[in-house]
Amino acid sequence: MNRIPHAVLLLILPLTTVACATRPDTPMRAAAEPVPAVFHSGSRSDRLIEHVADYSQHLTRLTPGYIYERLHHREDSEAISQAFDRMLVADVPDAHRGLIDALELDFIHDPTTSSLDLLNYELRVHFSEFDWHDDDYPGGPEGPNEVLADIMVDALDIVRPERRANRSRTAVIRRDGVNDAIWTYMLDQWKPVPGEAGWKLNQFAADSYIKMREAAAADGVTLKIKSGHRDPKKARAGAARAGNSFAVASFSSHSLGLAIDFELPRPDGDGAFNITTRPMSSVVAMRTSPVHKWLHLRGEAFGWYPFQHEPWHWEFNPDGFREVFFAEFPGGAPELNAVFE
């Protein structure tokens, strides 16, 4: 099995600051810059491809390099070809958005793509093709490449930032701020999720999830809860039994009613991934699931954010939600102690 040499780590670490990739010899241009009237020499189609690749960062997390290559091979997708032709006729915002939508849906349903493709090319190739040891998932039995697993998570967090509901400065509430009155308040806000086998969520998370589930279904993706709410006492007992602080938390966002573990169908349609932290190669492969890719690209619009260590785990914590969450709590949202990250 591979053990990461320090020299390789020194090469990889600087790359984690790069959130997207572009094609060779193409300088990155800020999305806010005015669109030039004339691009480079070449056909009108080639110029449009360059334009879409370079000026779509405000619309999608797909990398410029991916967009560039996919549009040059658009003939195998009727939806992409039609959307491209519409933009070729009228380069207007609606046509641009329509082309990005077609590219995203193609990416989501393509069994060969992964959310790792949202990283730069070097990182995507390294993480996807690396010979992971079974125990490389951090927090359990020690694996030889846990540092690389952490680097992968940090790189993904740059592209699709976490907003943990139970920790960090974005938290709704942290362990040190909970008392009996707050537990009672939080549990009273749980509500059943229609059509989801008895699962409950916080009322705001449930309403958002229902809308998100409908939007995903319209895109041909089925969102299904594998695990939702968890009784706080049972969560603490489960964490004690598991002995892995990364995978099973004693103070979990599940206990707040703000987290979902999603079922992750395999990209080939042959069942679903077994939700487990071992082997590490399976955790990496989960990022090919259309559910995971859809959430990565479109879940933020509904207030859902990843826990990058666990491809199946997503949390509801939109910006400003802490105040909404505690709006009916006597005295409002309790103060959080300072956190230095």
Protein backbone atom coordinates (compact mmCIF):
# COMPACT_ATOMS: atom_id res chain seq x y z
CA MET A 1 0.00 0.00 0.00
CA ASN A 2 1.09 3.62 -0.65
CA ARG A 3 2.47 5.75 2.15
CA ILE A 4 2.62 9.45 1.33
CA PRO A 5 6.21 10.73 1.02
CA HIS A 6 6.80 14.15 2.52
CA ALA A 7 7.90 15.42 -0.88
CA VAL A 8 4.50 14.55 -2.34
CA LEU A 9 2.74 16.33 0.51
CA LEU A 10 4.78 19.45 -0.14
CA LEU A 11 3.65 19.35 -3.76
CA ILE A 12 0.00 18.73 -2.91
CA LEU A 13 -0.51 21.23 -0.09
CA PRO A 14 -0.17 24.40 -2.21
CA LEU A 15 -2.71 23.01 -4.65
CA THR A 16 -5.41 22.92 -1.98
CA THR A 17 -5.68 26.70 -2.30
CA VAL A 18 -6.84 26.35 -5.90
CA ALA A 19 -10.59 25.86 -6.02
CA CYS A 20 -10.98 25.29 -9.73
CA ALA A 21 -8.99 24.32 -12.77
CA THR A 22 -8.72 25.68 -16.25
CA ARG A 23 -7.27 24.43 -19.47
CA PRO A 24 -3.53 24.87 -20.10
CA ASP A 25 -2.31 28.36 -21.13
CA THR A 26 -5.66 29.96 -20.27
CA PRO A 27 -5.39 32.69 -17.62
CA MET A 28 -8.16 32.82 -15.03
CA ARG A 29 -10.33 35.92 -15.36
CA ALA A 30 -12.61 37.21 -12.64
CA ALA A 31 -16.30 36.62 -13.25
CA ALA A 32 -17.02 40.28 -12.53
CA GLU A 33 -14.86 41.55 -15.42
CA PRO A 34 -16.70 42.89 -18.47
CA VAL A 35 -17.02 40.38 -21.28
CA PRO A 36 -14.64 41.32 -24.11
CA ALA A 37 -16.22 41.97 -27.47
CA VAL A 38 -13.65 39.84 -29.26
CA PHE A 39 -12.03 36.74 -27.78
CA HIS A 40 -9.28 34.82 -29.53
CA SER A 41 -9.02 33.85 -33.13
CA GLY A 42 -10.95 30.81 -34.24
CA SER A 43 -14.51 29.83 -35.07
CA ARG A 44 -17.47 31.45 -33.41
CA SER A 45 -18.21 28.15 -31.64
CA ASP A 46 -14.66 28.02 -30.26
CA ARG A 47 -14.89 31.60 -29.04
CA LEU A 48 -18.19 30.85 -27.32
CA ILE A 49 -16.70 27.80 -25.63
CA GLU A 50 -13.87 29.94 -24.29
CA HIS A 51 -16.34 32.54 -23.10
CA VAL A 52 -18.55 30.02 -21.27
CA ALA A 53 -15.54 28.28 -19.71
CA ASP A 54 -13.99 31.54 -18.50
CA TYR A 55 -17.14 33.39 -17.41
CA SER A 56 -19.32 30.86 -15.59
CA GLN A 57 -17.78 30.87 -12.10
CA HIS A 58 -20.72 32.92 -10.81
CA LEU A 59 -23.15 30.27 -12.09
CA THR A 60 -21.58 26.92 -11.25
CA ARG A 61 -18.89 25.02 -9.40
CA LEU A 62 -17.99 23.11 -12.53
CA THR A 63 -14.39 23.99 -13.37
CA PRO A 64 -13.47 26.00 -16.47
CA GLY A 65 -11.39 23.07 -17.65
CA TYR A 66 -14.31 20.66 -17.37
CA ILE A 67 -16.67 23.05 -19.18
CA TYR A 68 -14.13 23.64 -21.95
CA GLU A 69 -13.58 19.93 -22.59
CA ARG A 70 -17.26 18.99 -22.29
CA LEU A 71 -18.38 21.64 -24.76
CA HIS A 72 -15.76 20.50 -27.25
CA HIS A 73 -17.33 17.02 -27.04
CA ARG A 74 -20.94 18.13 -26.81
CA GLU A 75 -22.12 16.04 -29.75
CA ASP A 76 -22.85 13.04 -27.49
CA SER A 77 -25.41 15.03 -25.46
CA GLU A 78 -28.50 16.32 -27.22
CA ALA A 79 -29.37 18.58 -24.26
CA ILE A 80 -25.94 20.22 -24.18
CA SER A 81 -25.83 20.58 -27.97
CA GLN A 82 -29.25 22.24 -28.09
CA ALA A 83 -28.44 24.57 -25.20
CA PHE A 84 -25.13 25.51 -26.83
CA ASP A 85 -26.84 26.24 -30.16
CA ARG A 86 -29.37 28.47 -28.40
CA MET A 87 -26.56 30.45 -26.79
CA LEU A 88 -24.74 30.61 -30.12
CA VAL A 89 -27.80 32.33 -31.59
CA ALA A 90 -28.44 34.64 -28.62
CA ASP A 91 -25.74 35.12 -25.99
CA VAL A 92 -28.10 36.29 -23.26
CA PRO A 93 -28.22 35.45 -19.52
CA ASP A 94 -31.11 33.00 -19.88
CA ALA A 95 -29.30 31.07 -22.59
CA HIS A 96 -26.10 31.03 -20.55
CA ARG A 97 -27.95 29.74 -17.49
CA GLY A 98 -29.68 27.11 -19.64
CA LEU A 99 -26.35 25.84 -20.96
CA ILE A 100 -24.89 25.61 -17.46
CA ASP A 101 -27.99 23.73 -16.29
CA ALA A 102 -27.51 21.22 -19.11
CA LEU A 103 -23.82 20.82 -18.27
CA GLU A 104 -24.57 20.30 -14.59
CA LEU A 105 -27.25 17.69 -15.23
CA ASP A 106 -24.95 15.86 -17.59
CA PHE A 107 -22.21 15.91 -14.93
CA ILE A 108 -24.61 14.68 -12.23
CA HIS A 109 -25.83 11.72 -14.27
CA ASP A 110 -22.50 10.81 -15.86
CA PRO A 111 -21.29 7.62 -14.09
CA THR A 112 -17.67 8.54 -14.81
CA THR A 113 -17.67 11.88 -12.96
CA SER A 114 -17.14 12.58 -9.28
CA SER A 115 -17.39 15.60 -7.01
CA LEU A 116 -13.60 15.34 -6.97
CA ASP A 117 -13.79 16.67 -10.55
CA LEU A 118 -14.70 20.04 -9.00
CA LEU A 119 -11.10 20.28 -7.78
CA ASN A 120 -8.18 21.25 -9.96
CA TYR A 121 -6.93 18.62 -12.35
CA GLU A 122 -3.86 17.57 -10.36
CA LEU A 123 -5.76 16.99 -7.13
CA ARG A 124 -8.67 15.28 -8.85
CA VAL A 125 -6.39 12.78 -10.55
CA HIS A 126 -4.31 12.15 -7.44
CA PHE A 127 -7.23 11.54 -5.10
CA SER A 128 -9.25 9.51 -7.60
CA GLU A 129 -6.42 7.21 -8.66
CA PHE A 130 -4.61 6.88 -5.35
CA ASP A 131 -4.25 3.38 -3.91
CA TRP A 132 -6.02 4.01 -0.62
CA HIS A 133 -5.43 1.76 2.38
CA ASP A 134 -8.64 0.38 3.88
CA ASP A 135 -8.01 2.24 7.15
CA ASP A 136 -7.18 5.68 5.73
CA TYR A 137 -10.44 7.21 6.94
CA PRO A 138 -9.36 9.45 9.87
CA GLY A 139 -10.45 8.69 13.40
CA GLY A 140 -10.67 4.89 13.32
CA PRO A 141 -7.92 2.29 13.07
CA GLU A 142 -4.83 4.18 11.99
CA GLY A 143 -4.15 4.12 8.25
CA PRO A 144 -0.89 5.13 6.57
CA ASN A 145 -2.47 7.87 4.43
CA GLU A 146 -4.83 9.69 6.81
CA VAL A 147 -2.96 12.95 6.19
CA LEU A 148 -3.82 12.71 2.50
CA ALA A 149 -7.45 11.99 3.37
CA ASP A 150 -7.50 15.18 5.43
CA ILE A 151 -5.93 17.14 2.56
CA MET A 152 -8.64 15.85 0.22
CA VAL A 153 -11.33 17.00 2.63
CA ASP A 154 -9.70 20.42 3.03
CA ALA A 155 -9.52 20.83 -0.75
CA LEU A 156 -13.20 19.95 -1.16
CA ASP A 157 -14.07 22.34 1.67
CA ILE A 158 -12.55 25.19 -0.35
CA VAL A 159 -14.80 24.38 -3.30
CA ARG A 160 -17.94 23.60 -1.25
CA PRO A 161 -17.49 25.01 2.26
CA GLU A 162 -18.99 23.31 5.28
CA ARG A 163 -21.30 25.14 7.69
CA ARG A 164 -21.46 22.77 10.63
CA ALA A 165 -24.62 23.25 12.69
CA ASN A 166 -23.09 21.87 15.90
CA ARG A 167 -19.53 23.22 15.82
CA SER A 168 -17.29 26.01 14.49
CA ARG A 169 -18.17 29.68 14.27
CA THR A 170 -21.14 28.98 11.96
CA ALA A 171 -22.84 26.72 14.54
CA VAL A 172 -26.49 27.05 15.49
CA ILE A 173 -25.56 25.77 18.95
CA ARG A 174 -22.47 24.06 20.34
CA ARG A 175 -22.14 21.50 23.07
CA ASP A 176 -20.91 24.03 25.63
CA GLY A 177 -24.02 26.18 25.14
CA VAL A 178 -26.70 23.52 25.60
CA ASN A 179 -28.87 23.22 28.71
CA ASP A 180 -32.13 21.42 29.48
CA ALA A 181 -34.28 24.36 28.36
CA ILE A 182 -32.53 24.49 24.98
CA TRP A 183 -32.82 20.72 24.51
CA THR A 184 -36.56 20.93 25.17
CA TYR A 185 -36.90 23.84 22.75
CA MET A 186 -34.98 22.02 20.01
CA LEU A 187 -36.88 18.76 20.35
CA ASP A 188 -40.19 20.62 20.24
CA GLN A 189 -39.24 21.96 16.81
CA TRP A 190 -38.97 18.52 15.22
CA LYS A 191 -41.62 17.57 12.67
CA PRO A 192 -42.21 14.41 10.60
CA VAL A 193 -40.94 14.36 7.01
CA PRO A 194 -43.71 13.16 4.67
CA GLY A 195 -42.89 9.96 2.82
CA GLU A 196 -39.66 9.29 4.73
CA ALA A 197 -40.36 6.25 6.95
CA GLY A 198 -40.91 8.04 10.24
CA TRP A 199 -37.93 10.38 10.11
CA LYS A 200 -38.16 13.81 11.69
CA LEU A 201 -36.26 17.06 11.17
CA ASN A 202 -36.28 20.56 12.59
CA GLN A 203 -39.31 22.32 11.14
CA PHE A 204 -37.24 24.64 8.93
CA ALA A 205 -34.94 21.84 7.78
CA ALA A 206 -37.96 19.65 6.97
CA ASP A 207 -39.66 22.35 4.89
CA SER A 208 -36.45 23.01 2.99
CA TYR A 209 -35.76 19.31 2.44
CA ILE A 210 -39.21 18.74 0.93
CA LYS A 211 -38.59 21.55 -1.59
CA MET A 212 -35.10 20.25 -2.31
CA ARG A 213 -36.39 16.70 -2.80
CA GLU A 214 -38.91 17.98 -5.35
CA ALA A 215 -36.23 19.96 -7.21
CA ALA A 216 -33.92 16.95 -7.32
CA ALA A 217 -36.72 14.73 -8.60
CA ALA A 218 -37.32 17.20 -11.43
CA ASP A 219 -33.63 16.71 -12.30
CA GLY A 220 -33.98 12.92 -12.28
CA VAL A 221 -32.33 12.46 -8.87
CA THR A 222 -34.06 10.71 -5.97
CA LEU A 223 -33.21 12.03 -2.51
CA LYS A 224 -33.96 9.57 0.27
CA ILE A 225 -33.21 9.83 3.98
CA LYS A 226 -31.17 6.95 5.33
CA SER A 227 -30.86 8.57 8.77
CA GLY A 228 -32.44 11.72 10.15
CA HIS A 229 -33.22 12.70 13.73
CA ARG A 230 -31.49 10.96 16.61
CA ASP A 231 -32.43 10.94 20.25
CA PRO A 232 -29.62 12.82 22.09
CA LYS A 233 -29.17 10.09 24.71
CA LYS A 234 -28.99 7.36 22.06
CA ALA A 235 -26.50 9.44 20.05
CA ARG A 236 -24.14 9.66 23.00
CA ALA A 237 -24.42 5.91 23.59
CA GLY A 238 -23.80 5.17 19.90
CA ALA A 239 -20.69 7.36 19.83
CA ALA A 240 -19.30 5.57 22.86
CA ARG A 241 -19.78 2.20 21.17
CA ALA A 242 -18.32 3.29 17.81
CA GLY A 243 -15.14 4.88 19.11
CA ASN A 244 -14.72 7.09 15.99
CA SER A 245 -15.30 10.80 16.61
CA PHE A 246 -15.34 11.55 12.87
CA ALA A 247 -18.04 9.04 11.99
CA VAL A 248 -20.29 9.00 15.06
CA ALA A 249 -20.69 12.16 17.14
CA SER A 250 -21.97 12.26 20.70
CA PHE A 251 -23.26 15.82 20.10
CA SER A 252 -24.52 15.49 16.57
CA SER A 253 -26.42 17.73 14.20
CA HIS A 254 -28.76 14.74 13.91
CA SER A 255 -29.66 15.36 17.55
CA LEU A 256 -30.52 18.95 16.61
CA GLY A 257 -32.78 17.76 13.79
CA LEU A 258 -30.54 19.55 11.30
CA ALA A 259 -28.75 16.67 9.54
CA ILE A 260 -29.55 13.99 7.00
CA ASP A 261 -27.55 10.93 6.04
CA PHE A 262 -28.61 10.34 2.45
CA GLU A 263 -28.86 7.07 0.62
CA LEU A 264 -26.22 7.21 -2.12
CA PRO A 265 -27.17 5.22 -5.24
CA ARG A 266 -24.27 3.86 -7.26
CA PRO A 267 -23.73 5.70 -10.55
CA ASP A 268 -24.32 2.52 -12.57
CA GLY A 269 -27.75 2.10 -10.97
CA ASP A 270 -26.77 -1.17 -9.28
CA GLY A 271 -28.06 -0.53 -5.77
CA ALA A 272 -26.60 1.91 -3.28
CA PHE A 273 -23.29 2.32 -1.52
CA ASN A 274 -22.96 0.76 1.89
CA ILE A 275 -22.63 3.73 4.24
CA THR A 276 -19.40 2.94 6.03
CA THR A 277 -16.00 4.49 6.66
CA ARG A 278 -14.12 1.39 5.58
CA PRO A 279 -12.60 0.76 3.11
CA MET A 280 -11.46 4.29 2.30
CA SER A 281 -11.68 3.56 -1.42
CA SER A 282 -15.44 3.14 -1.00
CA VAL A 283 -15.73 6.52 0.76
CA VAL A 284 -13.95 8.13 -2.20
CA ALA A 285 -16.17 6.27 -4.68
CA MET A 286 -19.33 7.57 -2.95
CA ARG A 287 -18.56 10.94 -4.50
CA THR A 288 -19.59 9.48 -7.88
CA SER A 289 -23.19 9.05 -6.69
CA PRO A 290 -25.63 11.30 -8.57
CA VAL A 291 -27.16 12.24 -5.21
CA HIS A 292 -23.84 13.45 -3.87
CA LYS A 293 -23.02 15.38 -7.05
CA TRP A 294 -26.48 16.98 -7.13
CA LEU A 295 -26.15 18.11 -3.52
CA HIS A 296 -22.66 19.46 -4.18
CA LEU A 297 -23.86 21.54 -7.12
CA ARG A 298 -27.40 22.46 -6.09
CA GLY A 299 -27.96 21.80 -2.39
CA GLU A 300 -26.69 25.17 -1.21
CA ALA A 301 -29.65 26.95 -2.80
CA PHE A 302 -31.82 25.13 -0.24
CA GLY A 303 -29.51 25.77 2.73
CA TRP A 304 -27.81 22.36 2.86
CA TYR A 305 -24.07 22.00 3.40
CA PRO A 306 -21.67 19.04 3.39
CA PHE A 307 -19.59 17.37 6.04
CA GLN A 308 -16.77 16.59 3.66
CA HIS A 309 -15.43 13.63 5.64
CA GLU A 310 -18.77 11.85 5.11
CA PRO A 311 -20.18 12.07 1.55
CA TRP A 312 -23.58 10.94 2.85
CA HIS A 313 -23.91 13.54 5.64
CA TRP A 314 -25.45 16.97 4.95
CA GLU A 315 -26.58 19.69 7.35
CA PHE A 316 -29.17 22.44 7.13
CA ASN A 317 -27.56 25.70 8.23
CA PRO A 318 -28.13 28.59 5.82
CA ASP A 319 -26.59 31.97 6.53
CA GLY A 320 -28.45 33.72 9.38
CA PHE A 321 -30.25 30.54 10.45
CA ARG A 322 -29.10 30.70 14.08
CA GLU A 323 -31.32 33.73 14.70
CA VAL A 324 -34.25 32.08 12.91
CA PHE A 325 -33.74 28.84 14.85
CA PHE A 326 -33.91 30.61 18.21
CA ALA A 327 -36.53 33.22 17.25
CA GLU A 328 -39.10 31.81 19.71
CA PHE A 329 -36.65 30.90 22.46
CA PRO A 330 -36.94 33.16 25.55
CA GLY A 331 -34.20 35.74 25.26
CA GLY A 332 -33.34 34.76 21.69
CA ALA A 333 -30.22 32.97 20.52
CA PRO A 334 -27.77 32.31 23.37
CA GLU A 335 -24.28 33.72 22.95
CA LEU A 336 -21.59 31.42 21.61
CA ASN A 337 -18.11 31.36 23.02
CA ALA A 338 -15.38 32.50 20.64
CA VAL A 339 -13.91 29.83 18.40
CA PHE A 340 -10.47 30.10 16.81
CA GLU A 341 -10.09 27.96 13.69
